Amino acid sequence: MNTEDTIKVFVGCDPNNCDLEQMMVLDYSIHKHTSVPVEIVWMQLSRDPNSYWYSNPETGEGWNTTKWSTPFQAFAGQFQSTVNTLVVPSTWTLMSLF
């Protein structure tokens, strides 16, 4: 891999910010132990209609999460074909790698 390449890490996280502490630790750990540029994309449902992660169950707009077992379950499949991408289902899963 070229050292100029940016690695994208997509991480599923709770939409109610219950994972904030784990997110901060994960962000710190990744950047501390990586010698190439890293971009972390938090896969977190949003109520903002302009967000890619938008979901409004009341109106049926955006992501339909009614059959998801976690608030980010189906996000991972959206990015797996991207080059230099690591997709993990949750902050807990990725933290167990360090």
Protein backbone atom coordinates (compact mmCIF):
# COMPACT_ATOMS: atom_id res chain seq x y z
CA MET A 1 0.00 0.00 0.00
CA ASN A 2 1.20 3.48 -0.84
CA THR A 3 1.88 5.53 2.30
CA GLU A 4 -0.16 8.35 0.74
CA ASP A 5 -3.31 6.19 0.74
CA THR A 6 -5.91 6.82 3.39
CA ILE A 7 -7.41 3.83 5.14
CA LYS A 8 -11.13 4.21 5.78
CA VAL A 9 -12.45 2.51 8.89
CA PHE A 10 -16.25 2.29 9.12
CA VAL A 11 -17.48 1.62 12.65
CA GLY A 12 -21.06 0.98 13.72
CA CYS A 13 -22.07 2.87 16.82
CA ASP A 14 -25.14 3.59 18.90
CA PRO A 15 -27.40 6.40 17.63
CA ASN A 16 -27.96 7.69 21.18
CA ASN A 17 -24.24 8.29 21.82
CA CYS A 18 -24.02 5.47 24.38
CA ASP A 19 -20.66 4.51 22.80
CA LEU A 20 -18.91 7.89 23.09
CA GLU A 21 -16.21 6.72 25.48
CA GLN A 22 -15.42 3.66 23.35
CA MET A 23 -15.42 5.84 20.22
CA MET A 24 -12.85 8.22 21.74
CA VAL A 25 -10.61 5.34 22.85
CA LEU A 26 -10.88 3.68 19.46
CA ASP A 27 -10.10 6.91 17.60
CA TYR A 28 -7.05 7.52 19.79
CA SER A 29 -5.79 3.93 19.48
CA ILE A 30 -6.14 3.76 15.72
CA HIS A 31 -4.33 7.04 15.15
CA LYS A 32 -1.62 6.25 17.69
CA HIS A 33 -0.79 2.84 16.20
CA THR A 34 -1.09 3.65 12.50
CA SER A 35 1.66 5.07 10.32
CA VAL A 36 -0.60 5.98 7.37
CA PRO A 37 -3.53 8.39 7.23
CA VAL A 38 -6.77 6.97 8.62
CA GLU A 39 -10.30 8.27 8.23
CA ILE A 40 -12.84 6.92 10.71
CA VAL A 41 -16.46 6.98 9.56
CA TRP A 42 -18.93 6.49 12.38
CA MET A 43 -21.95 4.57 11.10
CA GLN A 44 -24.48 6.22 13.38
CA LEU A 45 -28.17 6.72 12.61
CA SER A 46 -29.18 10.35 12.40
CA ARG A 47 -32.39 12.38 12.46
CA ASP A 48 -30.81 14.91 10.08
CA PRO A 49 -32.45 14.48 6.63
CA ASN A 50 -29.23 15.67 4.98
CA SER A 51 -27.17 12.89 6.57
CA TYR A 52 -26.31 9.68 4.72
CA TRP A 53 -27.25 7.88 7.97
CA TYR A 54 -30.72 9.47 8.14
CA SER A 55 -33.55 7.34 9.56
CA ASN A 56 -37.03 8.38 10.59
CA PRO A 57 -39.13 5.35 11.55
CA GLU A 58 -42.22 7.49 12.17
CA THR A 59 -42.38 8.65 8.54
CA GLY A 60 -40.65 5.66 6.94
CA GLU A 61 -37.94 7.88 5.44
CA GLY A 62 -34.24 7.05 5.20
CA TRP A 63 -32.83 3.75 6.46
CA ASN A 64 -35.51 1.21 7.39
CA THR A 65 -34.17 -0.35 10.58
CA THR A 66 -37.27 -2.24 11.70
CA LYS A 67 -35.71 -5.68 11.07
CA TRP A 68 -32.18 -4.84 12.25
CA SER A 69 -30.99 -6.56 15.43
CA THR A 70 -28.63 -3.63 16.13
CA PRO A 71 -28.92 0.06 15.18
CA PHE A 72 -26.16 -0.36 12.57
CA GLN A 73 -26.47 -3.96 11.37
CA ALA A 74 -27.05 -3.35 7.65
CA PHE A 75 -24.51 -0.53 7.28
CA ALA A 76 -21.51 -2.88 7.01
CA GLY A 77 -22.67 -4.39 3.72
CA GLN A 78 -22.69 -0.96 2.09
CA PHE A 79 -18.91 -0.51 2.10
CA GLN A 80 -17.20 -3.89 1.88
CA SER A 81 -16.16 -3.52 -1.75
CA THR A 82 -14.30 -0.25 -1.17
CA VAL A 83 -10.49 -0.39 -1.45
CA ASN A 84 -8.49 0.23 1.76
CA THR A 85 -11.61 -0.10 3.89
CA LEU A 86 -12.16 -1.87 7.17
CA VAL A 87 -15.80 -2.34 8.16
CA VAL A 88 -16.59 -3.46 11.68
CA PRO A 89 -20.02 -3.94 13.19
CA SER A 90 -19.38 -2.11 16.45
CA THR A 91 -16.85 -0.25 18.57
CA TRP A 92 -16.60 -3.30 20.85
CA THR A 93 -15.59 -5.59 17.99
CA LEU A 94 -12.82 -3.33 16.74
CA MET A 95 -11.53 -2.55 20.23
CA SER A 96 -11.00 -6.26 20.81
CA LEU A 97 -8.42 -6.22 17.97
CA PHE A 98 -6.10 -3.85 19.89
